[in-house]
Every structure is written in C-alpha cells, then in structure tokens.
Amino acid sequence: MAKGRNVHVVPNGNNWQVKPEGGRPVSNHRTQGAAEAAAKPIARQNQAEVVIHRPNGQIRDKDSFGNDPNPPKDNKH
C-alpha cells in the first residue's frame, strides 16, 4: 500500500471491511470495532488516516496517523 493512502472502514452487508483508498478490501470483520482495530496499524505504518463510515456509508469519524493536513493535531491519542 502506498504511503499516505487513507484506510477506510466500510460496511459490507452485515460485516465491515478494511479497504485502502482506491484499492481492494484487505480484511473482513464481524464488528466495526474489530475492523477499526485492524485498520489502525495499517494507517500508522503508512502515515495515513483511518476513515470510519456509518452503516449507511456516511463518514462518522477520522483518525490521523501521520502528517495531519488540518491542524490542530489529532488529540484522541
């Protein structure tokens, strides 16, 4: 996966997928939390952002693991 490419946590039927932006799904999970946990190390390694979607596809949250283009820096971690 290319550096800086965002990692999305998206609904897939009753499951959740971890999917790099513009790429194929990396993994499938039964819960959104499990998918989010799997996406974070990928984003951290690639200095990217995790984009978490709602079941309807809307973006629910974002979590940066690199150079945040929109200061202030992420204060969640």
N, C-alpha and C. Protein backbone atom coordinates (compact mmCIF):
# COMPACT_ATOMS: atom_id res chain seq x y z
N MET A 1 0.84 -1.18 0.00
CA MET A 1 0.00 0.00 0.00
C MET A 1 0.89 1.24 0.00
N ALA A 2 0.48 2.26 -0.73
CA ALA A 2 1.27 3.49 -0.84
C ALA A 2 1.15 4.34 0.41
N LYS A 3 2.24 5.03 0.75
CA LYS A 3 2.22 5.93 1.91
C LYS A 3 1.20 7.03 1.67
N GLY A 4 0.48 7.37 2.76
CA GLY A 4 -0.47 8.46 2.70
C GLY A 4 -1.84 8.08 2.16
N ARG A 5 -2.01 6.85 1.71
CA ARG A 5 -3.30 6.42 1.19
C ARG A 5 -4.21 6.09 2.37
N ASN A 6 -5.34 6.77 2.48
CA ASN A 6 -6.25 6.58 3.60
C ASN A 6 -6.80 5.16 3.64
N VAL A 7 -7.12 4.70 4.85
CA VAL A 7 -7.67 3.37 5.06
C VAL A 7 -9.11 3.55 5.55
N HIS A 8 -10.06 2.96 4.84
CA HIS A 8 -11.47 3.13 5.17
C HIS A 8 -12.02 1.89 5.86
N VAL A 9 -12.89 2.12 6.84
CA VAL A 9 -13.66 1.06 7.50
C VAL A 9 -15.07 1.23 6.97
N VAL A 10 -15.51 0.29 6.12
CA VAL A 10 -16.77 0.44 5.40
C VAL A 10 -17.70 -0.75 5.66
N PRO A 11 -19.03 -0.49 5.61
CA PRO A 11 -19.97 -1.60 5.78
C PRO A 11 -19.97 -2.49 4.54
N ASN A 12 -20.20 -3.78 4.78
CA ASN A 12 -20.30 -4.77 3.71
C ASN A 12 -21.35 -5.78 4.12
N GLY A 13 -22.61 -5.49 3.81
CA GLY A 13 -23.70 -6.34 4.27
C GLY A 13 -23.81 -6.23 5.78
N ASN A 14 -23.73 -7.35 6.48
CA ASN A 14 -23.76 -7.36 7.95
C ASN A 14 -22.37 -7.30 8.56
N ASN A 15 -21.36 -7.20 7.74
CA ASN A 15 -19.97 -7.18 8.20
C ASN A 15 -19.32 -5.83 7.89
N TRP A 16 -18.03 -5.72 8.23
CA TRP A 16 -17.26 -4.50 7.99
C TRP A 16 -15.96 -4.86 7.31
N GLN A 17 -15.54 -4.01 6.36
CA GLN A 17 -14.30 -4.25 5.64
C GLN A 17 -13.29 -3.14 5.93
N VAL A 18 -12.02 -3.52 5.87
CA VAL A 18 -10.92 -2.57 5.90
C VAL A 18 -10.46 -2.47 4.45
N LYS A 19 -10.50 -1.24 3.92
CA LYS A 19 -10.25 -1.06 2.50
C LYS A 19 -9.39 0.17 2.26
N PRO A 20 -8.20 0.01 1.67
CA PRO A 20 -7.38 1.18 1.33
C PRO A 20 -8.08 2.00 0.24
N GLU A 21 -7.88 3.29 0.29
CA GLU A 21 -8.50 4.18 -0.68
C GLU A 21 -8.09 3.78 -2.09
N GLY A 22 -9.09 3.51 -2.93
CA GLY A 22 -8.83 3.14 -4.31
C GLY A 22 -8.35 1.72 -4.51
N GLY A 23 -8.39 0.91 -3.44
CA GLY A 23 -7.89 -0.45 -3.55
C GLY A 23 -8.94 -1.50 -3.21
N ARG A 24 -8.51 -2.71 -3.16
CA ARG A 24 -9.38 -3.84 -2.80
C ARG A 24 -9.39 -4.03 -1.29
N PRO A 25 -10.45 -4.63 -0.76
CA PRO A 25 -10.52 -4.86 0.69
C PRO A 25 -9.34 -5.70 1.18
N VAL A 26 -8.84 -5.33 2.36
CA VAL A 26 -7.72 -6.02 2.98
C VAL A 26 -8.21 -7.12 3.91
N SER A 27 -9.32 -6.83 4.63
CA SER A 27 -9.86 -7.81 5.57
C SER A 27 -11.34 -7.56 5.83
N ASN A 28 -12.02 -8.61 6.34
CA ASN A 28 -13.43 -8.54 6.70
C ASN A 28 -13.57 -8.84 8.19
N HIS A 29 -14.53 -8.17 8.84
CA HIS A 29 -14.72 -8.33 10.28
C HIS A 29 -16.20 -8.34 10.61
N ARG A 30 -16.54 -8.98 11.72
CA ARG A 30 -17.94 -9.07 12.15
C ARG A 30 -18.42 -7.77 12.77
N THR A 31 -17.51 -7.00 13.39
CA THR A 31 -17.91 -5.76 14.05
C THR A 31 -17.10 -4.58 13.51
N GLN A 32 -17.68 -3.40 13.65
CA GLN A 32 -16.99 -2.18 13.23
C GLN A 32 -15.75 -1.95 14.09
N GLY A 33 -15.85 -2.24 15.37
CA GLY A 33 -14.71 -2.07 16.27
C GLY A 33 -13.53 -2.93 15.88
N ALA A 34 -13.79 -4.17 15.49
CA ALA A 34 -12.71 -5.07 15.07
C ALA A 34 -12.07 -4.57 13.78
N ALA A 35 -12.88 -4.07 12.87
CA ALA A 35 -12.35 -3.53 11.62
C ALA A 35 -11.51 -2.28 11.88
N GLU A 36 -11.99 -1.44 12.78
CA GLU A 36 -11.25 -0.22 13.14
C GLU A 36 -9.90 -0.58 13.76
N ALA A 37 -9.89 -1.57 14.64
CA ALA A 37 -8.65 -2.01 15.28
C ALA A 37 -7.67 -2.57 14.25
N ALA A 38 -8.18 -3.23 13.23
CA ALA A 38 -7.31 -3.78 12.18
C ALA A 38 -6.79 -2.68 11.25
N ALA A 39 -7.57 -1.62 11.07
CA ALA A 39 -7.19 -0.54 10.15
C ALA A 39 -6.10 0.37 10.74
N LYS A 40 -6.10 0.55 12.05
CA LYS A 40 -5.17 1.49 12.68
C LYS A 40 -3.70 1.15 12.45
N PRO A 41 -3.25 -0.09 12.62
CA PRO A 41 -1.82 -0.38 12.37
C PRO A 41 -1.44 -0.15 10.90
N ILE A 42 -2.36 -0.41 9.99
CA ILE A 42 -2.09 -0.18 8.56
C ILE A 42 -1.90 1.31 8.31
N ALA A 43 -2.79 2.13 8.87
CA ALA A 43 -2.70 3.57 8.71
C ALA A 43 -1.44 4.12 9.38
N ARG A 44 -1.11 3.59 10.55
CA ARG A 44 0.08 4.05 11.28
C ARG A 44 1.34 3.75 10.46
N GLN A 45 1.41 2.56 9.89
CA GLN A 45 2.57 2.15 9.10
C GLN A 45 2.72 3.03 7.85
N ASN A 46 1.60 3.44 7.27
CA ASN A 46 1.63 4.20 6.03
C ASN A 46 1.44 5.69 6.22
N GLN A 47 1.46 6.14 7.48
CA GLN A 47 1.29 7.55 7.82
C GLN A 47 0.06 8.12 7.11
N ALA A 48 -1.05 7.45 7.33
CA ALA A 48 -2.31 7.80 6.65
C ALA A 48 -3.39 8.08 7.68
N GLU A 49 -4.61 8.11 7.21
CA GLU A 49 -5.75 8.40 8.05
C GLU A 49 -6.73 7.24 7.98
N VAL A 50 -7.34 6.89 9.13
CA VAL A 50 -8.40 5.90 9.16
C VAL A 50 -9.70 6.68 9.02
N VAL A 51 -10.52 6.31 8.05
CA VAL A 51 -11.81 6.95 7.82
C VAL A 51 -12.89 5.92 8.15
N ILE A 52 -13.66 6.19 9.21
CA ILE A 52 -14.66 5.25 9.70
C ILE A 52 -16.03 5.69 9.21
N HIS A 53 -16.72 4.77 8.55
CA HIS A 53 -18.03 5.07 7.98
C HIS A 53 -19.15 4.52 8.86
N ARG A 54 -20.33 5.09 8.72
CA ARG A 54 -21.53 4.59 9.38
C ARG A 54 -22.12 3.47 8.53
N PRO A 55 -23.09 2.72 9.08
CA PRO A 55 -23.72 1.66 8.27
C PRO A 55 -24.35 2.16 6.98
N ASN A 56 -24.76 3.45 6.93
CA ASN A 56 -25.35 3.99 5.71
C ASN A 56 -24.30 4.52 4.74
N GLY A 57 -23.01 4.42 5.09
CA GLY A 57 -21.93 4.85 4.22
C GLY A 57 -21.38 6.23 4.52
N GLN A 58 -22.08 7.04 5.31
CA GLN A 58 -21.59 8.36 5.68
C GLN A 58 -20.33 8.24 6.52
N ILE A 59 -19.47 9.25 6.44
CA ILE A 59 -18.27 9.26 7.27
C ILE A 59 -18.67 9.62 8.70
N ARG A 60 -18.27 8.79 9.65
CA ARG A 60 -18.58 9.00 11.06
C ARG A 60 -17.43 9.69 11.78
N ASP A 61 -16.19 9.28 11.46
CA ASP A 61 -15.03 9.80 12.18
C ASP A 61 -13.78 9.58 11.34
N LYS A 62 -12.73 10.34 11.66
CA LYS A 62 -11.43 10.17 11.03
C LYS A 62 -10.38 10.18 12.13
N ASP A 63 -9.31 9.45 11.89
CA ASP A 63 -8.23 9.36 12.87
C ASP A 63 -6.91 9.41 12.10
N SER A 64 -6.09 10.43 12.35
CA SER A 64 -4.84 10.64 11.63
C SER A 64 -3.68 9.92 12.28
N PHE A 65 -2.85 9.32 11.44
CA PHE A 65 -1.62 8.66 11.89
C PHE A 65 -0.46 9.09 11.01
N GLY A 66 -0.25 10.38 10.90
CA GLY A 66 0.83 10.90 10.07
C GLY A 66 0.77 12.40 10.11
N ASN A 67 1.17 13.02 9.05
CA ASN A 67 1.11 14.47 8.96
C ASN A 67 -0.34 14.89 8.76
N ASP A 68 -0.92 15.51 9.77
CA ASP A 68 -2.30 15.94 9.70
C ASP A 68 -2.37 17.22 8.86
N PRO A 69 -3.04 17.20 7.71
CA PRO A 69 -3.07 18.37 6.85
C PRO A 69 -3.93 19.51 7.41
N ASN A 70 -4.73 19.22 8.42
CA ASN A 70 -5.62 20.22 9.00
C ASN A 70 -5.35 20.39 10.49
N PRO A 71 -4.39 21.26 10.84
CA PRO A 71 -4.14 21.48 12.27
C PRO A 71 -5.40 21.98 12.94
N PRO A 72 -5.65 21.79 14.21
CA PRO A 72 -4.72 21.22 15.18
C PRO A 72 -4.60 19.71 15.05
N LYS A 73 -3.51 19.21 15.57
CA LYS A 73 -3.24 17.77 15.50
C LYS A 73 -4.31 16.99 16.25
N ASP A 74 -4.45 15.73 15.86
CA ASP A 74 -5.41 14.83 16.48
C ASP A 74 -5.10 14.68 17.96
N ASN A 75 -6.06 14.95 18.83
CA ASN A 75 -5.84 14.87 20.27
C ASN A 75 -6.43 13.62 20.90
N LYS A 76 -6.94 12.68 20.10
CA LYS A 76 -7.55 11.46 20.65
C LYS A 76 -6.51 10.51 21.23
N HIS A 77 -5.28 10.58 20.73
CA HIS A 77 -4.25 9.61 21.15
C HIS A 77 -3.09 10.31 21.79
